[in-house]
Amino acid sequence: MRAFKMVVVCLMVVAMLGMATQCYAQDPAKKLGRGLANILTGWVELPKNIYDTSVEDNVLAGITMGLAKGIGMFIVRTGAGVYEVVMFPFPIPEDYQPVLEPEFVFSE
């Protein structure tokens, strides 16, 4: 009886994993939302990169290199957001995939 329960549980787990092939579907609405979020939060790249570089290296590197990285990522993230807002009705890139990884400022 115990072996039967284990087989049933294993089959249920396999079935659940098989059904969850696409857990985060990309569509035009998600692309539009992602673009708007990146336009509105692109500026957060400045303090985020300053902090991350300060923690990884030192405060001087955070103020100089972190600021430079932050300015660059601010431009890239905001530009990607504008692109996604303008192009949201079209499946470009394929299947409405994000133009920039990570999708959002605080995604890992």
C-alpha atoms as a PDB file:
ATOM      1  CA  MET A   1       0.000   0.000   0.000  1.00  0.00           C
ATOM      2  CA  ARG A   2       2.853   2.354   0.846  1.00  0.00           C
ATOM      3  CA  ALA A   3       4.545   1.740  -2.514  1.00  0.00           C
ATOM      4  CA  PHE A   4       1.254   2.449  -4.290  1.00  0.00           C
ATOM      5  CA  LYS A   5       0.981   5.835  -2.547  1.00  0.00           C
ATOM      6  CA  MET A   6       4.536   6.702  -3.548  1.00  0.00           C
ATOM      7  CA  VAL A   7       3.829   5.814  -7.176  1.00  0.00           C
ATOM      8  CA  VAL A   8       0.662   7.938  -7.144  1.00  0.00           C
ATOM      9  CA  VAL A   9       2.523  10.897  -5.616  1.00  0.00           C
ATOM     10  CA  CYS A  10       5.346  10.574  -8.176  1.00  0.00           C
ATOM     11  CA  LEU A  11       2.854  10.424 -11.052  1.00  0.00           C
ATOM     12  CA  MET A  12       1.055  13.502  -9.724  1.00  0.00           C
ATOM     13  CA  VAL A  13       4.331  15.440  -9.483  1.00  0.00           C
ATOM     14  CA  VAL A  14       5.312  14.429 -13.029  1.00  0.00           C
ATOM     15  CA  ALA A  15       1.857  15.419 -14.319  1.00  0.00           C
ATOM     16  CA  MET A  16       2.015  18.810 -12.579  1.00  0.00           C
ATOM     17  CA  LEU A  17       5.482  19.525 -13.958  1.00  0.00           C
ATOM     18  CA  GLY A  18       4.366  18.490 -17.427  1.00  0.00           C
ATOM     19  CA  MET A  19       1.381  20.857 -17.350  1.00  0.00           C
ATOM     20  CA  ALA A  20       3.462  23.830 -16.209  1.00  0.00           C
ATOM     21  CA  THR A  21       5.425  24.201 -19.429  1.00  0.00           C
ATOM     22  CA  GLN A  22       4.857  27.936 -19.730  1.00  0.00           C
ATOM     23  CA  CYS A  23       4.343  29.493 -16.334  1.00  0.00           C
ATOM     24  CA  TYR A  24       5.047  33.083 -17.404  1.00  0.00           C
ATOM     25  CA  ALA A  25       3.494  33.724 -20.777  1.00  0.00           C
ATOM     26  CA  GLN A  26       4.642  36.789 -22.688  1.00  0.00           C
ATOM     27  CA  ASP A  27       1.984  38.849 -24.422  1.00  0.00           C
ATOM     28  CA  PRO A  28       1.489  42.450 -25.614  1.00  0.00           C
ATOM     29  CA  ALA A  29       0.042  43.615 -22.280  1.00  0.00           C
ATOM     30  CA  LYS A  30       3.020  42.289 -20.329  1.00  0.00           C
ATOM     31  CA  LYS A  31       5.380  43.910 -22.853  1.00  0.00           C
ATOM     32  CA  LEU A  32       3.592  47.254 -22.449  1.00  0.00           C
ATOM     33  CA  GLY A  33       3.684  46.969 -18.645  1.00  0.00           C
ATOM     34  CA  ARG A  34       7.344  46.023 -18.674  1.00  0.00           C
ATOM     35  CA  GLY A  35       8.134  48.993 -20.920  1.00  0.00           C
ATOM     36  CA  LEU A  36       6.232  51.441 -18.707  1.00  0.00           C
ATOM     37  CA  ALA A  37       7.907  50.036 -15.599  1.00  0.00           C
ATOM     38  CA  ASN A  38      11.349  50.442 -17.153  1.00  0.00           C
ATOM     39  CA  ILE A  39      10.609  54.013 -18.239  1.00  0.00           C
ATOM     40  CA  LEU A  40       9.403  54.964 -14.763  1.00  0.00           C
ATOM     41  CA  THR A  41      12.118  53.132 -12.802  1.00  0.00           C
ATOM     42  CA  GLY A  42      15.121  53.534 -15.097  1.00  0.00           C
ATOM     43  CA  TRP A  43      16.542  56.242 -12.823  1.00  0.00           C
ATOM     44  CA  VAL A  44      16.809  53.681  -9.996  1.00  0.00           C
ATOM     45  CA  GLU A  45      19.813  52.233 -11.831  1.00  0.00           C
ATOM     46  CA  LEU A  46      21.898  55.185 -10.541  1.00  0.00           C
ATOM     47  CA  PRO A  47      21.699  54.533  -6.783  1.00  0.00           C
ATOM     48  CA  LYS A  48      21.488  50.760  -7.317  1.00  0.00           C
ATOM     49  CA  ASN A  49      24.760  50.603  -9.248  1.00  0.00           C
ATOM     50  CA  ILE A  50      26.499  53.003  -6.861  1.00  0.00           C
ATOM     51  CA  TYR A  51      25.458  50.822  -3.918  1.00  0.00           C
ATOM     52  CA  ASP A  52      26.286  47.505  -5.618  1.00  0.00           C
ATOM     53  CA  THR A  53      29.737  48.695  -6.692  1.00  0.00           C
ATOM     54  CA  SER A  54      30.423  50.149  -3.235  1.00  0.00           C
ATOM     55  CA  VAL A  55      29.563  46.817  -1.617  1.00  0.00           C
ATOM     56  CA  GLU A  56      31.567  44.766  -4.138  1.00  0.00           C
ATOM     57  CA  ASP A  57      34.661  46.983  -4.238  1.00  0.00           C
ATOM     58  CA  ASN A  58      34.811  50.124  -2.090  1.00  0.00           C
ATOM     59  CA  VAL A  59      33.104  53.492  -1.656  1.00  0.00           C
ATOM     60  CA  LEU A  60      35.423  55.337  -4.044  1.00  0.00           C
ATOM     61  CA  ALA A  61      34.737  52.788  -6.775  1.00  0.00           C
ATOM     62  CA  GLY A  62      31.024  53.095  -6.017  1.00  0.00           C
ATOM     63  CA  ILE A  63      31.074  56.848  -6.433  1.00  0.00           C
ATOM     64  CA  THR A  64      33.084  56.740  -9.675  1.00  0.00           C
ATOM     65  CA  MET A  65      32.554  53.433 -11.503  1.00  0.00           C
ATOM     66  CA  GLY A  66      29.153  52.796  -9.923  1.00  0.00           C
ATOM     67  CA  LEU A  67      27.957  56.202 -11.044  1.00  0.00           C
ATOM     68  CA  ALA A  68      29.237  55.564 -14.577  1.00  0.00           C
ATOM     69  CA  LYS A  69      27.548  52.145 -14.685  1.00  0.00           C
ATOM     70  CA  GLY A  70      24.369  53.679 -13.289  1.00  0.00           C
ATOM     71  CA  ILE A  71      24.256  56.404 -15.933  1.00  0.00           C
ATOM     72  CA  GLY A  72      24.852  53.849 -18.673  1.00  0.00           C
ATOM     73  CA  MET A  73      22.191  51.458 -17.360  1.00  0.00           C
ATOM     74  CA  PHE A  74      19.750  54.348 -16.833  1.00  0.00           C
ATOM     75  CA  ILE A  75      20.042  55.216 -20.517  1.00  0.00           C
ATOM     76  CA  VAL A  76      19.818  51.584 -21.619  1.00  0.00           C
ATOM     77  CA  ARG A  77      16.873  50.666 -19.360  1.00  0.00           C
ATOM     78  CA  THR A  78      14.870  53.791 -20.172  1.00  0.00           C
ATOM     79  CA  GLY A  79      15.585  53.353 -23.889  1.00  0.00           C
ATOM     80  CA  ALA A  80      14.507  49.709 -23.743  1.00  0.00           C
ATOM     81  CA  GLY A  81      11.326  50.807 -21.971  1.00  0.00           C
ATOM     82  CA  VAL A  82      10.535  53.372 -24.669  1.00  0.00           C
ATOM     83  CA  TYR A  83      11.194  50.745 -27.354  1.00  0.00           C
ATOM     84  CA  GLU A  84       8.891  48.224 -25.678  1.00  0.00           C
ATOM     85  CA  VAL A  85       6.095  50.765 -25.213  1.00  0.00           C
ATOM     86  CA  VAL A  86       6.264  51.801 -28.865  1.00  0.00           C
ATOM     87  CA  MET A  87       6.584  48.234 -30.172  1.00  0.00           C
ATOM     88  CA  PHE A  88       4.243  46.459 -27.726  1.00  0.00           C
ATOM     89  CA  PRO A  89       1.659  45.373 -30.342  1.00  0.00           C
ATOM     90  CA  PHE A  90       4.298  43.512 -32.364  1.00  0.00           C
ATOM     91  CA  PRO A  91       5.933  40.195 -31.340  1.00  0.00           C
ATOM     92  CA  ILE A  92       9.444  41.594 -31.769  1.00  0.00           C
ATOM     93  CA  PRO A  93      11.652  40.067 -30.343  1.00  0.00           C
ATOM     94  CA  GLU A  94      10.036  36.681 -30.859  1.00  0.00           C
ATOM     95  CA  ASP A  95       7.063  35.932 -28.586  1.00  0.00           C
ATOM     96  CA  TYR A  96       7.254  39.349 -26.847  1.00  0.00           C
ATOM     97  CA  GLN A  97      10.427  38.379 -24.977  1.00  0.00           C
ATOM     98  CA  PRO A  98      12.180  41.144 -23.003  1.00  0.00           C
ATOM     99  CA  VAL A  99      14.697  43.309 -24.836  1.00  0.00           C
ATOM    100  CA  LEU A 100      16.809  43.696 -21.700  1.00  0.00           C
ATOM    101  CA  GLU A 101      17.832  41.159 -19.058  1.00  0.00           C
ATOM    102  CA  PRO A 102      16.990  41.395 -16.221  1.00  0.00           C
ATOM    103  CA  GLU A 103      13.504  42.542 -17.179  1.00  0.00           C
ATOM    104  CA  PHE A 104      13.167  44.976 -14.274  1.00  0.00           C
ATOM    105  CA  VAL A 105      15.614  47.008 -12.179  1.00  0.00           C
ATOM    106  CA  PHE A 106      15.472  44.771  -9.115  1.00  0.00           C
ATOM    107  CA  SER A 107      15.175  41.405 -10.886  1.00  0.00           C
ATOM    108  CA  GLU A 108      18.124  39.107 -10.389  1.00  0.00           C
END
